[in-house]
Amino acid sequence: MNRQQTQPPEDLETLRSVINARQAVFPKRLAQVARHVLDDPDEIALGSVASIAAAAQVTPSTLIRFAQYLGYDGFSALQGVFRTAVRQKISSGEKVARRQRRQEAASYEGQVFDETINGCHNALHALSRTIPVADIKTAASILSSATCVFILAGKGTFPLAVLLQQCLTQLNIRSNLLTDVAGGDDVIGFATPEDAVVIFNCAPYAKYMTAHASNLSTRGVPVIALTDSNFSPLSGLASVKFKVIESGQNSLSPLTAGIALSQVLALCTRQSRQNAHTM
């Protein structure tokens, strides 16, 4: 077997980056393992080869091939990266617990405020490291030249869609806000290649969204997808995709990156329009 990487990642963050970077070229079964690895790292760290293979719905030999594809000698070496991450998380959790005990005298409101700010900060930091500027430029160019922007919001992403529409309205860009609950099926059919469609969606991926994206792509309508995973079915159908909708316990931090990116797209769209008018 030809290994794709002579020096495999030594930490979980680097491993995640490598998997995300190669998500488009994984063979089908290895892509299936990659999704499971990213979605359930604790299971990878603590499970057996048999239990992990069963959960990922592949054979044990596929797990070994996946590890070797990434440059590891075998699956146990790959699993060691996850086990190290779990130990670090436990150690970090113990430190947090000690800090929380020291802060028991502090107000509950102050603790909630600090935790929320930290969660939002982490979401923005991750956004700054993972979104290519070239993709922002491409998306802004699509939006600036669109006759109408159709915004399709999936479950849990409606606030992001509303914000984007407000930003576009301020730029005098015509838009239609649709949801996967009502109103989307009829209106989205009016989209043409001169328009653009922005789809917000996160797991579980609705067949409704994927079907629309496939139909739009076939008709030559530009699609910009904001989703929670590089393995979303929308990824292969979109002209531009952004992974920004993070999962987490903090109810605000999952939206923070999406809110920031919506504002960035609006500002860059305005600049793209101004550049077009001055040419």
C-alpha atoms as a PDB file:
ATOM      1  CA  MET A   1       0.000   0.000   0.000  1.00  0.00           C
ATOM      2  CA  ASN A   2       1.299   3.459  -0.873  1.00  0.00           C
ATOM      3  CA  ARG A   3       1.183   5.666   2.184  1.00  0.00           C
ATOM      4  CA  GLN A   4       0.062   9.200   1.632  1.00  0.00           C
ATOM      5  CA  GLN A   5       2.110  10.711   4.459  1.00  0.00           C
ATOM      6  CA  THR A   6       5.542   9.641   5.693  1.00  0.00           C
ATOM      7  CA  GLN A   7       5.264  11.628   8.918  1.00  0.00           C
ATOM      8  CA  PRO A   8       1.800  11.017  10.386  1.00  0.00           C
ATOM      9  CA  PRO A   9       0.209  13.658  12.659  1.00  0.00           C
ATOM     10  CA  GLU A  10       1.343  13.424  16.266  1.00  0.00           C
ATOM     11  CA  ASP A  11      -1.555  15.328  17.843  1.00  0.00           C
ATOM     12  CA  LEU A  12      -5.314  15.310  17.387  1.00  0.00           C
ATOM     13  CA  GLU A  13      -5.634  18.875  16.096  1.00  0.00           C
ATOM     14  CA  THR A  14      -3.138  18.241  13.302  1.00  0.00           C
ATOM     15  CA  LEU A  15      -4.809  14.917  12.503  1.00  0.00           C
ATOM     16  CA  ARG A  16      -8.196  16.650  12.184  1.00  0.00           C
ATOM     17  CA  SER A  17      -6.680  19.205   9.808  1.00  0.00           C
ATOM     18  CA  VAL A  18      -5.125  16.470   7.649  1.00  0.00           C
ATOM     19  CA  ILE A  19      -8.383  14.519   7.448  1.00  0.00           C
ATOM     20  CA  ASN A  20     -10.380  17.652   6.559  1.00  0.00           C
ATOM     21  CA  ALA A  21      -7.835  18.646   3.916  1.00  0.00           C
ATOM     22  CA  ARG A  22      -8.097  15.221   2.255  1.00  0.00           C
ATOM     23  CA  GLN A  23     -11.817  14.656   2.629  1.00  0.00           C
ATOM     24  CA  ALA A  24     -12.415  15.068  -1.112  1.00  0.00           C
ATOM     25  CA  VAL A  25      -9.941  12.333  -2.130  1.00  0.00           C
ATOM     26  CA  PHE A  26     -10.698   9.596   0.400  1.00  0.00           C
ATOM     27  CA  PRO A  27     -12.025   6.362  -1.135  1.00  0.00           C
ATOM     28  CA  LYS A  28     -15.638   5.690  -0.162  1.00  0.00           C
ATOM     29  CA  ARG A  29     -14.982   3.340   2.771  1.00  0.00           C
ATOM     30  CA  LEU A  30     -12.119   5.421   4.119  1.00  0.00           C
ATOM     31  CA  ALA A  31     -14.321   8.531   3.948  1.00  0.00           C
ATOM     32  CA  GLN A  32     -16.869   6.617   6.022  1.00  0.00           C
ATOM     33  CA  VAL A  33     -14.182   5.967   8.649  1.00  0.00           C
ATOM     34  CA  ALA A  34     -13.047   9.598   8.496  1.00  0.00           C
ATOM     35  CA  ARG A  35     -16.555  10.842   9.315  1.00  0.00           C
ATOM     36  CA  HIS A  36     -16.765   8.506  12.292  1.00  0.00           C
ATOM     37  CA  VAL A  37     -13.292   9.495  13.497  1.00  0.00           C
ATOM     38  CA  LEU A  38     -14.183  13.191  13.466  1.00  0.00           C
ATOM     39  CA  ASP A  39     -17.651  12.724  14.942  1.00  0.00           C
ATOM     40  CA  ASP A  40     -16.738  10.425  17.845  1.00  0.00           C
ATOM     41  CA  PRO A  41     -13.076  10.808  18.908  1.00  0.00           C
ATOM     42  CA  ASP A  42     -13.733   9.381  22.383  1.00  0.00           C
ATOM     43  CA  GLU A  43     -14.984   6.119  20.851  1.00  0.00           C
ATOM     44  CA  ILE A  44     -11.794   5.912  18.783  1.00  0.00           C
ATOM     45  CA  ALA A  45      -9.684   6.405  21.914  1.00  0.00           C
ATOM     46  CA  LEU A  46     -11.529   4.001  24.195  1.00  0.00           C
ATOM     47  CA  GLY A  47     -13.066   1.392  21.907  1.00  0.00           C
ATOM     48  CA  SER A  48     -11.661  -1.834  20.510  1.00  0.00           C
ATOM     49  CA  VAL A  49     -10.970  -2.384  16.825  1.00  0.00           C
ATOM     50  CA  ALA A  50     -14.078  -4.569  16.611  1.00  0.00           C
ATOM     51  CA  SER A  51     -16.385  -2.063  18.358  1.00  0.00           C
ATOM     52  CA  ILE A  52     -15.059   0.896  16.361  1.00  0.00           C
ATOM     53  CA  ALA A  53     -15.440  -0.982  13.069  1.00  0.00           C
ATOM     54  CA  ALA A  54     -19.004  -1.942  13.994  1.00  0.00           C
ATOM     55  CA  ALA A  55     -19.883   1.657  14.907  1.00  0.00           C
ATOM     56  CA  ALA A  56     -18.393   2.963  11.655  1.00  0.00           C
ATOM     57  CA  GLN A  57     -20.073   0.142   9.698  1.00  0.00           C
ATOM     58  CA  VAL A  58     -16.814  -1.021   8.112  1.00  0.00           C
ATOM     59  CA  THR A  59     -14.528  -4.018   8.524  1.00  0.00           C
ATOM     60  CA  PRO A  60     -11.546  -3.981  10.939  1.00  0.00           C
ATOM     61  CA  SER A  61      -9.212  -4.189   7.960  1.00  0.00           C
ATOM     62  CA  THR A  62     -10.673  -0.914   6.675  1.00  0.00           C
ATOM     63  CA  LEU A  63      -9.629   0.774   9.931  1.00  0.00           C
ATOM     64  CA  ILE A  64      -6.085  -0.470   9.382  1.00  0.00           C
ATOM     65  CA  ARG A  65      -6.095   0.770   5.779  1.00  0.00           C
ATOM     66  CA  PHE A  66      -7.343   4.157   6.960  1.00  0.00           C
ATOM     67  CA  ALA A  67      -4.496   4.447   9.484  1.00  0.00           C
ATOM     68  CA  GLN A  68      -1.904   3.424   6.896  1.00  0.00           C
ATOM     69  CA  TYR A  69      -3.400   5.867   4.392  1.00  0.00           C
ATOM     70  CA  LEU A  70      -2.532   8.626   6.850  1.00  0.00           C
ATOM     71  CA  GLY A  71       1.011   7.342   7.334  1.00  0.00           C
ATOM     72  CA  TYR A  72       0.667   5.300  10.535  1.00  0.00           C
ATOM     73  CA  ASP A  73       2.129   1.799  10.898  1.00  0.00           C
ATOM     74  CA  GLY A  74      -1.244   0.483  12.033  1.00  0.00           C
ATOM     75  CA  PHE A  75      -4.493   1.380  13.707  1.00  0.00           C
ATOM     76  CA  SER A  76      -3.031   1.199  17.228  1.00  0.00           C
ATOM     77  CA  ALA A  77      -0.646   4.046  16.362  1.00  0.00           C
ATOM     78  CA  LEU A  78      -3.547   6.165  15.132  1.00  0.00           C
ATOM     79  CA  GLN A  79      -5.569   5.256  18.220  1.00  0.00           C
ATOM     80  CA  GLY A  80      -2.656   6.406  20.396  1.00  0.00           C
ATOM     81  CA  VAL A  81      -3.174   9.986  19.155  1.00  0.00           C
ATOM     82  CA  PHE A  82      -6.770   9.898  20.354  1.00  0.00           C
ATOM     83  CA  ARG A  83      -5.827   8.327  23.696  1.00  0.00           C
ATOM     84  CA  THR A  84      -3.270  11.062  24.306  1.00  0.00           C
ATOM     85  CA  ALA A  85      -5.938  13.669  23.556  1.00  0.00           C
ATOM     86  CA  VAL A  86      -8.331  12.025  26.031  1.00  0.00           C
ATOM     87  CA  ARG A  87      -5.689  12.050  28.754  1.00  0.00           C
ATOM     88  CA  GLN A  88      -4.986  15.710  28.076  1.00  0.00           C
ATOM     89  CA  LYS A  89      -8.704  16.478  28.177  1.00  0.00           C
ATOM     90  CA  ILE A  90      -9.087  14.706  31.503  1.00  0.00           C
ATOM     91  CA  SER A  91      -6.090  16.595  32.887  1.00  0.00           C
ATOM     92  CA  SER A  92      -7.507  19.855  31.576  1.00  0.00           C
ATOM     93  CA  GLY A  93     -10.894  19.001  33.077  1.00  0.00           C
ATOM     94  CA  GLU A  94      -9.298  18.459  36.464  1.00  0.00           C
ATOM     95  CA  LYS A  95      -7.650  21.871  36.234  1.00  0.00           C
ATOM     96  CA  VAL A  96     -10.970  23.453  35.326  1.00  0.00           C
ATOM     97  CA  ALA A  97     -12.641  21.688  38.251  1.00  0.00           C
ATOM     98  CA  ARG A  98     -10.016  23.022  40.635  1.00  0.00           C
ATOM     99  CA  ARG A  99     -10.437  26.520  39.258  1.00  0.00           C
ATOM    100  CA  GLN A 100     -14.187  26.239  39.575  1.00  0.00           C
ATOM    101  CA  ARG A 101     -13.871  25.178  43.199  1.00  0.00           C
ATOM    102  CA  ARG A 102     -11.715  28.233  43.841  1.00  0.00           C
ATOM    103  CA  GLN A 103     -14.372  30.383  42.245  1.00  0.00           C
ATOM    104  CA  GLU A 104     -17.290  28.980  44.233  1.00  0.00           C
ATOM    105  CA  ALA A 105     -17.466  32.234  46.147  1.00  0.00           C
ATOM    106  CA  ALA A 106     -17.803  34.194  42.906  1.00  0.00           C
ATOM    107  CA  SER A 107     -21.199  34.967  41.466  1.00  0.00           C
ATOM    108  CA  TYR A 108     -22.917  32.477  39.169  1.00  0.00           C
ATOM    109  CA  GLU A 109     -23.630  35.299  36.716  1.00  0.00           C
ATOM    110  CA  GLY A 110     -19.931  36.154  36.477  1.00  0.00           C
ATOM    111  CA  GLN A 111     -18.996  32.550  35.768  1.00  0.00           C
ATOM    112  CA  VAL A 112     -21.625  32.232  33.040  1.00  0.00           C
ATOM    113  CA  PHE A 113     -20.439  35.460  31.467  1.00  0.00           C
ATOM    114  CA  ASP A 114     -16.782  34.337  31.424  1.00  0.00           C
ATOM    115  CA  GLU A 115     -17.614  30.877  30.045  1.00  0.00           C
ATOM    116  CA  THR A 116     -19.771  32.331  27.284  1.00  0.00           C
ATOM    117  CA  ILE A 117     -17.130  34.857  26.236  1.00  0.00           C
ATOM    118  CA  ASN A 118     -14.469  32.138  26.193  1.00  0.00           C
ATOM    119  CA  GLY A 119     -16.675  29.865  24.068  1.00  0.00           C
ATOM    120  CA  CYS A 120     -17.301  32.626  21.537  1.00  0.00           C
ATOM    121  CA  HIS A 121     -13.609  33.537  21.488  1.00  0.00           C
ATOM    122  CA  ASN A 122     -12.654  29.929  20.743  1.00  0.00           C
ATOM    123  CA  ALA A 123     -15.188  29.757  17.902  1.00  0.00           C
ATOM    124  CA  LEU A 124     -13.770  32.912  16.304  1.00  0.00           C
ATOM    125  CA  HIS A 125     -10.193  31.690  16.735  1.00  0.00           C
ATOM    126  CA  ALA A 126     -11.065  28.450  14.955  1.00  0.00           C
ATOM    127  CA  LEU A 127     -12.747  30.432  12.168  1.00  0.00           C
ATOM    128  CA  SER A 128      -9.618  32.541  11.595  1.00  0.00           C
ATOM    129  CA  ARG A 129      -7.516  29.383  11.154  1.00  0.00           C
ATOM    130  CA  THR A 130      -9.790  27.363   8.883  1.00  0.00           C
ATOM    131  CA  ILE A 131     -11.500  29.694   6.384  1.00  0.00           C
ATOM    132  CA  PRO A 132      -9.440  30.411   3.219  1.00  0.00           C
ATOM    133  CA  VAL A 133      -9.505  34.085   2.203  1.00  0.00           C
ATOM    134  CA  ALA A 134      -9.758  32.994  -1.438  1.00  0.00           C
ATOM    135  CA  ASP A 135     -13.099  31.304  -0.686  1.00  0.00           C
ATOM    136  CA  ILE A 136     -14.413  34.499   0.918  1.00  0.00           C
ATOM    137  CA  LYS A 137     -13.410  36.450  -2.191  1.00  0.00           C
ATOM    138  CA  THR A 138     -15.137  33.926  -4.485  1.00  0.00           C
ATOM    139  CA  ALA A 139     -18.340  33.958  -2.416  1.00  0.00           C
ATOM    140  CA  ALA A 140     -18.396  37.766  -2.296  1.00  0.00           C
ATOM    141  CA  SER A 141     -17.996  37.903  -6.082  1.00  0.00           C
ATOM    142  CA  ILE A 142     -20.941  35.512  -6.530  1.00  0.00           C
ATOM    143  CA  LEU A 143     -23.165  37.502  -4.166  1.00  0.00           C
ATOM    144  CA  SER A 144     -22.225  40.892  -5.613  1.00  0.00           C
ATOM    145  CA  SER A 145     -23.176  39.887  -9.152  1.00  0.00           C
ATOM    146  CA  ALA A 146     -26.389  38.044  -8.238  1.00  0.00           C
ATOM    147  CA  THR A 147     -29.707  39.461  -9.372  1.00  0.00           C
ATOM    148  CA  CYS A 148     -31.319  37.899  -6.298  1.00  0.00           C
ATOM    149  CA  VAL A 149     -29.890  35.946  -3.370  1.00  0.00           C
ATOM    150  CA  PHE A 150     -32.039  33.077  -2.101  1.00  0.00           C
ATOM    151  CA  ILE A 151     -31.188  32.195   1.501  1.00  0.00           C
ATOM    152  CA  LEU A 152     -32.266  28.717   2.600  1.00  0.00           C
ATOM    153  CA  ALA A 153     -32.062  28.060   6.349  1.00  0.00           C
ATOM    154  CA  GLY A 154     -32.017  24.600   7.911  1.00  0.00           C
ATOM    155  CA  LYS A 155     -32.899  23.603  11.455  1.00  0.00           C
ATOM    156  CA  GLY A 156     -31.072  25.655  14.070  1.00  0.00           C
ATOM    157  CA  THR A 157     -29.519  28.088  11.573  1.00  0.00           C
ATOM    158  CA  PHE A 158     -32.355  30.580  11.136  1.00  0.00           C
ATOM    159  CA  PRO A 159     -30.617  33.375  13.151  1.00  0.00           C
ATOM    160  CA  LEU A 160     -27.631  33.223  10.791  1.00  0.00           C
ATOM    161  CA  ALA A 161     -29.866  33.415   7.734  1.00  0.00           C
ATOM    162  CA  VAL A 162     -31.757  36.411   9.138  1.00  0.00           C
ATOM    163  CA  LEU A 163     -28.513  38.251   9.831  1.00  0.00           C
ATOM    164  CA  LEU A 164     -27.204  37.627   6.314  1.00  0.00           C
ATOM    165  CA  GLN A 165     -30.451  38.875   4.786  1.00  0.00           C
ATOM    166  CA  GLN A 166     -30.287  42.042   6.891  1.00  0.00           C
ATOM    167  CA  CYS A 167     -26.719  42.661   5.760  1.00  0.00           C
ATOM    168  CA  LEU A 168     -27.652  42.158   2.099  1.00  0.00           C
ATOM    169  CA  THR A 169     -30.688  44.431   2.479  1.00  0.00           C
ATOM    170  CA  GLN A 170     -28.415  47.198   3.746  1.00  0.00           C
ATOM    171  CA  LEU A 171     -26.428  46.806   0.531  1.00  0.00           C
ATOM    172  CA  ASN A 172     -29.595  47.017  -1.564  1.00  0.00           C
ATOM    173  CA  ILE A 173     -29.131  43.448  -2.732  1.00  0.00           C
ATOM    174  CA  ARG A 174     -32.443  41.717  -3.353  1.00  0.00           C
ATOM    175  CA  SER A 175     -32.904  38.535  -1.314  1.00  0.00           C
ATOM    176  CA  ASN A 176     -35.492  35.930  -0.332  1.00  0.00           C
ATOM    177  CA  LEU A 177     -35.322  34.138   3.024  1.00  0.00           C
ATOM    178  CA  LEU A 178     -36.658  30.570   2.970  1.00  0.00           C
ATOM    179  CA  THR A 179     -36.754  27.760   5.515  1.00  0.00           C
ATOM    180  CA  ASP A 180     -36.934  23.978   5.348  1.00  0.00           C
ATOM    181  CA  VAL A 181     -40.301  24.176   7.106  1.00  0.00           C
ATOM    182  CA  ALA A 182     -42.395  26.189   4.689  1.00  0.00           C
ATOM    183  CA  GLY A 183     -42.094  28.391   1.635  1.00  0.00           C
ATOM    184  CA  GLY A 184     -38.909  26.977   0.203  1.00  0.00           C
ATOM    185  CA  ASP A 185     -40.033  24.473  -2.405  1.00  0.00           C
ATOM    186  CA  ASP A 186     -42.004  26.851  -4.611  1.00  0.00           C
ATOM    187  CA  VAL A 187     -39.812  29.953  -4.389  1.00  0.00           C
ATOM    188  CA  ILE A 188     -36.420  28.258  -4.838  1.00  0.00           C
ATOM    189  CA  GLY A 189     -37.592  27.014  -8.224  1.00  0.00           C
ATOM    190  CA  PHE A 190     -37.406  30.574  -9.551  1.00  0.00           C
ATOM    191  CA  ALA A 191     -33.636  30.783  -9.033  1.00  0.00           C
ATOM    192  CA  THR A 192     -31.612  31.176 -12.242  1.00  0.00           C
ATOM    193  CA  PRO A 193     -27.867  31.122 -13.038  1.00  0.00           C
ATOM    194  CA  GLU A 194     -27.943  34.931 -12.666  1.00  0.00           C
ATOM    195  CA  ASP A 195     -28.986  34.485  -9.008  1.00  0.00           C
ATOM    196  CA  ALA A 196     -27.222  32.873  -6.066  1.00  0.00           C
ATOM    197  CA  VAL A 197     -28.368  30.550  -3.267  1.00  0.00           C
ATOM    198  CA  VAL A 198     -26.897  30.479   0.249  1.00  0.00           C
ATOM    199  CA  ILE A 199     -27.729  27.315   2.205  1.00  0.00           C
ATOM    200  CA  PHE A 200     -27.287  27.067   5.974  1.00  0.00           C
ATOM    201  CA  ASN A 201     -27.476  23.509   7.254  1.00  0.00           C
ATOM    202  CA  CYS A 202     -26.022  21.197   9.899  1.00  0.00           C
ATOM    203  CA  ALA A 203     -26.332  17.514  10.847  1.00  0.00           C
ATOM    204  CA  PRO A 204     -28.510  15.581  10.582  1.00  0.00           C
ATOM    205  CA  TYR A 205     -28.371  16.575   6.931  1.00  0.00           C
ATOM    206  CA  ALA A 206     -31.846  17.028   5.522  1.00  0.00           C
ATOM    207  CA  LYS A 207     -32.548  15.302   2.213  1.00  0.00           C
ATOM    208  CA  TYR A 208     -34.597  18.426   1.477  1.00  0.00           C
ATOM    209  CA  MET A 209     -31.447  20.569   1.458  1.00  0.00           C
ATOM    210  CA  THR A 210     -29.333  18.105  -0.512  1.00  0.00           C
ATOM    211  CA  ALA A 211     -32.029  17.658  -3.153  1.00  0.00           C
ATOM    212  CA  HIS A 212     -32.321  21.409  -3.652  1.00  0.00           C
ATOM    213  CA  ALA A 213     -28.545  21.846  -3.832  1.00  0.00           C
ATOM    214  CA  SER A 214     -28.286  19.059  -6.419  1.00  0.00           C
ATOM    215  CA  ASN A 215     -31.075  20.549  -8.526  1.00  0.00           C
ATOM    216  CA  LEU A 216     -29.600  24.052  -8.336  1.00  0.00           C
ATOM    217  CA  SER A 217     -26.137  22.832  -9.253  1.00  0.00           C
ATOM    218  CA  THR A 218     -27.542  20.959 -12.265  1.00  0.00           C
ATOM    219  CA  ARG A 219     -29.281  24.141 -13.409  1.00  0.00           C
ATOM    220  CA  GLY A 220     -26.083  26.174 -13.083  1.00  0.00           C
ATOM    221  CA  VAL A 221     -27.234  28.238 -10.101  1.00  0.00           C
ATOM    222  CA  PRO A 222     -24.277  29.191  -7.852  1.00  0.00           C
ATOM    223  CA  VAL A 223     -24.603  27.685  -4.358  1.00  0.00           C
ATOM    224  CA  ILE A 224     -22.764  28.854  -1.241  1.00  0.00           C
ATOM    225  CA  ALA A 225     -23.004  26.352   1.624  1.00  0.00           C
ATOM    226  CA  LEU A 226     -22.410  27.052   5.312  1.00  0.00           C
ATOM    227  CA  THR A 227     -22.359  23.771   7.183  1.00  0.00           C
ATOM    228  CA  ASP A 228     -20.888  22.006  10.217  1.00  0.00           C
ATOM    229  CA  SER A 229     -18.686  19.442   8.465  1.00  0.00           C
ATOM    230  CA  ASN A 230     -16.441  19.080   5.442  1.00  0.00           C
ATOM    231  CA  PHE A 231     -18.226  15.756   4.910  1.00  0.00           C
ATOM    232  CA  SER A 232     -21.660  17.350   4.542  1.00  0.00           C
ATOM    233  CA  PRO A 233     -23.477  16.155   1.389  1.00  0.00           C
ATOM    234  CA  LEU A 234     -23.660  19.830   0.395  1.00  0.00           C
ATOM    235  CA  SER A 235     -19.869  20.090   0.106  1.00  0.00           C
ATOM    236  CA  GLY A 236     -19.636  18.455  -3.294  1.00  0.00           C
ATOM    237  CA  LEU A 237     -22.599  20.403  -4.678  1.00  0.00           C
ATOM    238  CA  ALA A 238     -21.636  23.945  -3.675  1.00  0.00           C
ATOM    239  CA  SER A 239     -19.599  26.479  -5.648  1.00  0.00           C
ATOM    240  CA  VAL A 240     -18.139  27.550  -2.300  1.00  0.00           C
ATOM    241  CA  LYS A 241     -18.480  25.859   1.093  1.00  0.00           C
ATOM    242  CA  PHE A 242     -17.656  27.085   4.576  1.00  0.00           C
ATOM    243  CA  LYS A 243     -17.431  24.896   7.660  1.00  0.00           C
ATOM    244  CA  VAL A 244     -18.470  27.342  10.388  1.00  0.00           C
ATOM    245  CA  ILE A 245     -21.391  25.944  12.390  1.00  0.00           C
ATOM    246  CA  GLU A 246     -19.641  24.283  15.319  1.00  0.00           C
ATOM    247  CA  SER A 247     -21.300  21.997  17.830  1.00  0.00           C
ATOM    248  CA  GLY A 248     -20.836  22.646  21.525  1.00  0.00           C
ATOM    249  CA  GLN A 249     -22.478  22.937  24.915  1.00  0.00           C
ATOM    250  CA  ASN A 250     -22.573  26.734  24.820  1.00  0.00           C
ATOM    251  CA  SER A 251     -25.712  27.706  22.930  1.00  0.00           C
ATOM    252  CA  LEU A 252     -24.116  30.934  21.654  1.00  0.00           C
ATOM    253  CA  SER A 253     -20.693  29.774  20.536  1.00  0.00           C
ATOM    254  CA  PRO A 254     -22.033  27.490  17.747  1.00  0.00           C
ATOM    255  CA  LEU A 255     -23.536  30.618  16.123  1.00  0.00           C
ATOM    256  CA  THR A 256     -20.634  32.980  16.698  1.00  0.00           C
ATOM    257  CA  ALA A 257     -18.492  31.878  13.761  1.00  0.00           C
ATOM    258  CA  GLY A 258     -21.486  31.903  11.420  1.00  0.00           C
ATOM    259  CA  ILE A 259     -22.473  35.402  12.525  1.00  0.00           C
ATOM    260  CA  ALA A 260     -18.933  36.674  11.973  1.00  0.00           C
ATOM    261  CA  LEU A 261     -18.661  35.063   8.540  1.00  0.00           C
ATOM    262  CA  SER A 262     -22.055  36.483   7.479  1.00  0.00           C
ATOM    263  CA  GLN A 263     -20.820  39.972   8.348  1.00  0.00           C
ATOM    264  CA  VAL A 264     -17.535  39.377   6.505  1.00  0.00           C
ATOM    265  CA  LEU A 265     -19.358  38.176   3.390  1.00  0.00           C
ATOM    266  CA  ALA A 266     -21.598  41.257   3.427  1.00  0.00           C
ATOM    267  CA  LEU A 267     -18.679  43.690   3.754  1.00  0.00           C
ATOM    268  CA  CYS A 268     -16.659  41.910   1.061  1.00  0.00           C
ATOM    269  CA  THR A 269     -19.703  41.809  -1.208  1.00  0.00           C
ATOM    270  CA  ARG A 270     -20.034  45.578  -0.881  1.00  0.00           C
ATOM    271  CA  GLN A 271     -16.371  46.027  -1.782  1.00  0.00           C
ATOM    272  CA  SER A 272     -16.712  43.656  -4.730  1.00  0.00           C
ATOM    273  CA  ARG A 273     -19.619  45.708  -6.043  1.00  0.00           C
ATOM    274  CA  GLN A 274     -17.688  48.946  -5.643  1.00  0.00           C
ATOM    275  CA  ASN A 275     -14.724  47.480  -7.502  1.00  0.00           C
ATOM    276  CA  ALA A 276     -16.992  46.360 -10.350  1.00  0.00           C
ATOM    277  CA  HIS A 277     -18.500  49.848 -10.672  1.00  0.00           C
ATOM    278  CA  THR A 278     -15.103  51.547 -10.836  1.00  0.00           C
ATOM    279  CA  MET A 279     -13.752  49.334 -13.596  1.00  0.00           C
END
